[in-house]
C-alpha cells in the first residue's frame, strides 16, 4: 500500500520560513523598539460606547504626549505603572467590537492588528511610527517623535 507524502524539501522550506517569522517577531517583541519612545496624539479617531471624557475633553488631549518606557508609562506628564508590553495579534474588527463595543472603521487599523498592553491601556500598531491609543473611552491617532539628542 502506498502512502502519499509531500516532498520533504517542501516541509523543510516551510519549517524554515515559519521559524524565521517567529524569530523576527520574538526579536521585535524583546526589544519593543516599535512602541518605546515618545508619541504625540494627533487626532481623535472615534470613541467607545462608554467613555469617561466628554468630546471636548477628548479633543483637548490632541497634541499631548505619551511616553512609553520599559519601566514607566506617562500620559500628558502624569506617571502610571510600568507597562506590561505584552502583545498579541487579533482580528481588528472583532477585537474592537467585543472589547470596546466600538467600530474599527474610523481607526485605520490593518485587518489583523498587534495589540500592546500598556497596563493602564492598550496601543494598536498601525504602521511604522504610527499607533492608535485608547484612553478613557477614546481612540487617538499618535505618531512617534524623533529621539532627542542629548
C-alpha atoms as a PDB file:
ATOM      1  CA  UNK A   1       0.000   0.000   0.000  1.00  0.00           C
ATOM      2  CA  UNK A   2       1.402   3.357  -0.995  1.00  0.00           C
ATOM      3  CA  UNK A   3       1.143   6.422   1.210  1.00  0.00           C
ATOM      4  CA  UNK A   4       1.259   9.837  -0.453  1.00  0.00           C
ATOM      5  CA  UNK A   5       3.636  12.224   1.290  1.00  0.00           C
ATOM      6  CA  UNK A   6       4.566  15.750   0.362  1.00  0.00           C
ATOM      7  CA  UNK A   7       8.137  16.133  -0.844  1.00  0.00           C
ATOM      8  CA  UNK A   8      10.454  16.512   2.132  1.00  0.00           C
ATOM      9  CA  UNK A   9      12.043  19.696   0.795  1.00  0.00           C
ATOM     10  CA  UNK A  10       8.667  21.484   0.943  1.00  0.00           C
ATOM     11  CA  UNK A  11       8.311  20.599   4.605  1.00  0.00           C
ATOM     12  CA  UNK A  12      11.837  21.782   5.351  1.00  0.00           C
ATOM     13  CA  UNK A  13      11.342  25.088   3.498  1.00  0.00           C
ATOM     14  CA  UNK A  14       8.007  25.682   5.251  1.00  0.00           C
ATOM     15  CA  UNK A  15       9.601  24.991   8.634  1.00  0.00           C
ATOM     16  CA  UNK A  16      12.471  27.388   7.899  1.00  0.00           C
ATOM     17  CA  UNK A  17      10.096  30.201   6.914  1.00  0.00           C
ATOM     18  CA  UNK A  18       7.921  29.620   9.992  1.00  0.00           C
ATOM     19  CA  UNK A  19      10.965  29.664  12.259  1.00  0.00           C
ATOM     20  CA  UNK A  20      12.305  32.846  10.631  1.00  0.00           C
ATOM     21  CA  UNK A  21       8.956  34.630  11.013  1.00  0.00           C
ATOM     22  CA  UNK A  22       8.688  33.528  14.638  1.00  0.00           C
ATOM     23  CA  UNK A  23      12.282  34.654  15.351  1.00  0.00           C
ATOM     24  CA  UNK A  24      11.670  38.072  13.772  1.00  0.00           C
ATOM     25  CA  UNK A  25       8.511  38.594  15.839  1.00  0.00           C
ATOM     26  CA  UNK A  26      10.267  37.406  19.010  1.00  0.00           C
ATOM     27  CA  UNK A  27      13.160  39.825  18.418  1.00  0.00           C
ATOM     28  CA  UNK A  28      10.750  42.731  17.881  1.00  0.00           C
ATOM     29  CA  UNK A  29       8.849  41.712  20.990  1.00  0.00           C
ATOM     30  CA  UNK A  30      12.049  41.521  23.025  1.00  0.00           C
ATOM     31  CA  UNK A  31      13.323  44.985  22.257  1.00  0.00           C
ATOM     32  CA  UNK A  32       9.921  46.674  21.783  1.00  0.00           C
ATOM     33  CA  UNK A  33      11.528  49.351  19.604  1.00  0.00           C
ATOM     34  CA  UNK A  34       8.228  49.761  17.771  1.00  0.00           C
ATOM     35  CA  UNK A  35       6.413  51.017  20.894  1.00  0.00           C
ATOM     36  CA  UNK A  36       9.091  52.505  23.169  1.00  0.00           C
ATOM     37  CA  UNK A  37       9.539  56.265  22.962  1.00  0.00           C
ATOM     38  CA  UNK A  38       7.529  59.477  22.956  1.00  0.00           C
ATOM     39  CA  UNK A  39       4.305  59.725  20.967  1.00  0.00           C
ATOM     40  CA  UNK A  40       2.179  62.739  20.089  1.00  0.00           C
ATOM     41  CA  UNK A  41      -1.597  62.387  19.879  1.00  0.00           C
ATOM     42  CA  UNK A  42      -2.565  63.849  16.502  1.00  0.00           C
ATOM     43  CA  UNK A  43      -6.336  63.431  16.410  1.00  0.00           C
ATOM     44  CA  UNK A  44      -9.357  61.792  17.961  1.00  0.00           C
ATOM     45  CA  UNK A  45     -10.423  58.925  15.735  1.00  0.00           C
ATOM     46  CA  UNK A  46     -13.533  57.587  17.478  1.00  0.00           C
ATOM     47  CA  UNK A  47     -14.947  56.664  20.853  1.00  0.00           C
ATOM     48  CA  UNK A  48     -16.211  53.525  22.506  1.00  0.00           C
ATOM     49  CA  UNK A  49     -19.837  53.232  23.609  1.00  0.00           C
ATOM     50  CA  UNK A  50     -18.788  54.095  27.161  1.00  0.00           C
ATOM     51  CA  UNK A  51     -16.297  56.915  27.793  1.00  0.00           C
ATOM     52  CA  UNK A  52     -15.202  58.850  30.845  1.00  0.00           C
ATOM     53  CA  UNK A  53     -14.408  62.029  28.901  1.00  0.00           C
ATOM     54  CA  UNK A  54     -16.620  64.430  27.011  1.00  0.00           C
ATOM     55  CA  UNK A  55     -15.922  65.087  23.337  1.00  0.00           C
ATOM     56  CA  UNK A  56     -14.410  68.451  24.310  1.00  0.00           C
ATOM     57  CA  UNK A  57     -12.125  66.891  26.934  1.00  0.00           C
ATOM     58  CA  UNK A  58     -11.028  64.257  24.449  1.00  0.00           C
ATOM     59  CA  UNK A  59     -10.280  66.882  21.788  1.00  0.00           C
ATOM     60  CA  UNK A  60      -8.223  68.880  24.313  1.00  0.00           C
ATOM     61  CA  UNK A  61      -5.775  65.946  24.558  1.00  0.00           C
ATOM     62  CA  UNK A  62      -4.772  66.240  20.891  1.00  0.00           C
ATOM     63  CA  UNK A  63      -1.162  67.440  20.807  1.00  0.00           C
ATOM     64  CA  UNK A  64      -0.375  65.886  24.186  1.00  0.00           C
ATOM     65  CA  UNK A  65       2.401  63.337  24.604  1.00  0.00           C
ATOM     66  CA  UNK A  66       2.599  59.809  25.893  1.00  0.00           C
ATOM     67  CA  UNK A  67       5.943  58.263  26.770  1.00  0.00           C
ATOM     68  CA  UNK A  68       6.404  54.506  26.817  1.00  0.00           C
ATOM     69  CA  UNK A  69       9.487  53.114  28.516  1.00  0.00           C
ATOM     70  CA  UNK A  70      10.245  49.606  29.722  1.00  0.00           C
ATOM     71  CA  UNK A  71       9.829  50.745  33.318  1.00  0.00           C
ATOM     72  CA  UNK A  72       7.257  53.546  33.042  1.00  0.00           C
ATOM     73  CA  UNK A  73       4.317  54.983  31.150  1.00  0.00           C
ATOM     74  CA  UNK A  74       3.405  58.674  31.163  1.00  0.00           C
ATOM     75  CA  UNK A  75       0.338  60.304  29.681  1.00  0.00           C
ATOM     76  CA  UNK A  76       0.484  64.091  29.398  1.00  0.00           C
ATOM     77  CA  UNK A  77       3.221  64.214  32.048  1.00  0.00           C
ATOM     78  CA  UNK A  78       1.272  62.058  34.511  1.00  0.00           C
ATOM     79  CA  UNK A  79       3.057  58.822  35.534  1.00  0.00           C
ATOM     80  CA  UNK A  80       1.354  55.430  35.572  1.00  0.00           C
ATOM     81  CA  UNK A  81       2.533  51.931  36.434  1.00  0.00           C
ATOM     82  CA  UNK A  82       5.200  50.307  34.299  1.00  0.00           C
ATOM     83  CA  UNK A  83       3.657  48.879  31.130  1.00  0.00           C
ATOM     84  CA  UNK A  84       3.317  45.150  30.605  1.00  0.00           C
ATOM     85  CA  UNK A  85       4.398  45.415  26.953  1.00  0.00           C
ATOM     86  CA  UNK A  86       2.873  42.023  26.210  1.00  0.00           C
ATOM     87  CA  UNK A  87       1.424  41.758  22.757  1.00  0.00           C
ATOM     88  CA  UNK A  88      -0.948  39.627  20.782  1.00  0.00           C
ATOM     89  CA  UNK A  89      -2.397  39.688  17.283  1.00  0.00           C
ATOM     90  CA  UNK A  90      -6.136  39.987  16.830  1.00  0.00           C
ATOM     91  CA  UNK A  91      -8.789  40.363  14.174  1.00  0.00           C
ATOM     92  CA  UNK A  92      -9.205  44.140  14.492  1.00  0.00           C
ATOM     93  CA  UNK A  93     -12.950  44.367  13.842  1.00  0.00           C
ATOM     94  CA  UNK A  94     -13.820  41.549  16.239  1.00  0.00           C
ATOM     95  CA  UNK A  95     -11.449  42.805  18.952  1.00  0.00           C
ATOM     96  CA  UNK A  96     -12.855  46.354  18.854  1.00  0.00           C
ATOM     97  CA  UNK A  97     -16.434  45.134  18.803  1.00  0.00           C
ATOM     98  CA  UNK A  98     -16.014  42.631  21.654  1.00  0.00           C
ATOM     99  CA  UNK A  99     -13.526  44.538  23.800  1.00  0.00           C
ATOM    100  CA  UNK A 100     -14.615  48.135  23.321  1.00  0.00           C
ATOM    101  CA  UNK A 101     -18.072  47.997  21.751  1.00  0.00           C
ATOM    102  CA  UNK A 102     -16.582  50.171  19.011  1.00  0.00           C
ATOM    103  CA  UNK A 103     -16.330  50.052  15.237  1.00  0.00           C
ATOM    104  CA  UNK A 104     -12.930  49.619  13.642  1.00  0.00           C
ATOM    105  CA  UNK A 105     -13.835  51.636  10.527  1.00  0.00           C
ATOM    106  CA  UNK A 106     -12.563  55.038  11.666  1.00  0.00           C
ATOM    107  CA  UNK A 107      -9.333  53.749  13.215  1.00  0.00           C
ATOM    108  CA  UNK A 108      -7.388  52.925  10.062  1.00  0.00           C
ATOM    109  CA  UNK A 109      -6.034  49.689  11.514  1.00  0.00           C
ATOM    110  CA  UNK A 110      -4.992  46.665   9.475  1.00  0.00           C
ATOM    111  CA  UNK A 111      -7.413  43.723   9.425  1.00  0.00           C
ATOM    112  CA  UNK A 112      -5.153  41.848  11.838  1.00  0.00           C
ATOM    113  CA  UNK A 113      -3.653  44.175  14.423  1.00  0.00           C
ATOM    114  CA  UNK A 114      -0.905  43.848  17.005  1.00  0.00           C
ATOM    115  CA  UNK A 115      -2.259  44.870  20.410  1.00  0.00           C
ATOM    116  CA  UNK A 116       0.260  46.009  23.045  1.00  0.00           C
ATOM    117  CA  UNK A 117      -0.706  46.029  26.727  1.00  0.00           C
ATOM    118  CA  UNK A 118       0.452  49.256  28.382  1.00  0.00           C
ATOM    119  CA  UNK A 119      -1.081  48.175  31.720  1.00  0.00           C
ATOM    120  CA  UNK A 120      -3.446  51.142  32.072  1.00  0.00           C
ATOM    121  CA  UNK A 121      -4.495  50.998  28.421  1.00  0.00           C
ATOM    122  CA  UNK A 122      -3.670  49.447  25.059  1.00  0.00           C
ATOM    123  CA  UNK A 123      -1.920  50.576  21.910  1.00  0.00           C
ATOM    124  CA  UNK A 124      -2.555  49.177  18.452  1.00  0.00           C
ATOM    125  CA  UNK A 125       0.248  49.134  15.882  1.00  0.00           C
ATOM    126  CA  UNK A 126      -0.948  50.989  12.821  1.00  0.00           C
ATOM    127  CA  UNK A 127       2.240  51.280  10.798  1.00  0.00           C
ATOM    128  CA  UNK A 128       5.834  52.317  11.174  1.00  0.00           C
ATOM    129  CA  UNK A 129       5.902  55.142  13.714  1.00  0.00           C
ATOM    130  CA  UNK A 130       2.092  55.193  13.999  1.00  0.00           C
ATOM    131  CA  UNK A 131      -0.199  53.742  16.643  1.00  0.00           C
ATOM    132  CA  UNK A 132      -3.738  54.050  17.866  1.00  0.00           C
ATOM    133  CA  UNK A 133      -4.006  54.623  21.622  1.00  0.00           C
ATOM    134  CA  UNK A 134      -7.138  54.049  23.659  1.00  0.00           C
ATOM    135  CA  UNK A 135      -7.591  56.493  26.533  1.00  0.00           C
ATOM    136  CA  UNK A 136     -10.644  56.842  28.761  1.00  0.00           C
ATOM    137  CA  UNK A 137     -13.080  55.802  26.084  1.00  0.00           C
ATOM    138  CA  UNK A 138     -11.468  57.476  23.056  1.00  0.00           C
ATOM    139  CA  UNK A 139      -9.184  56.240  20.318  1.00  0.00           C
ATOM    140  CA  UNK A 140      -6.359  58.577  19.272  1.00  0.00           C
ATOM    141  CA  UNK A 141      -4.046  58.528  16.315  1.00  0.00           C
ATOM    142  CA  UNK A 142      -0.449  59.016  17.509  1.00  0.00           C
ATOM    143  CA  UNK A 143       2.875  59.481  15.762  1.00  0.00           C
ATOM    144  CA  UNK A 144       6.275  58.676  17.193  1.00  0.00           C
ATOM    145  CA  UNK A 145       8.516  61.624  17.963  1.00  0.00           C
ATOM    146  CA  UNK A 146      12.074  61.584  16.726  1.00  0.00           C
ATOM    147  CA  UNK A 147      14.508  60.786  19.539  1.00  0.00           C
ATOM    148  CA  UNK A 148      16.081  63.887  21.036  1.00  0.00           C
ATOM    149  CA  UNK A 149      19.850  64.217  21.098  1.00  0.00           C
ATOM    150  CA  UNK A 150      21.422  64.723  24.477  1.00  0.00           C
END
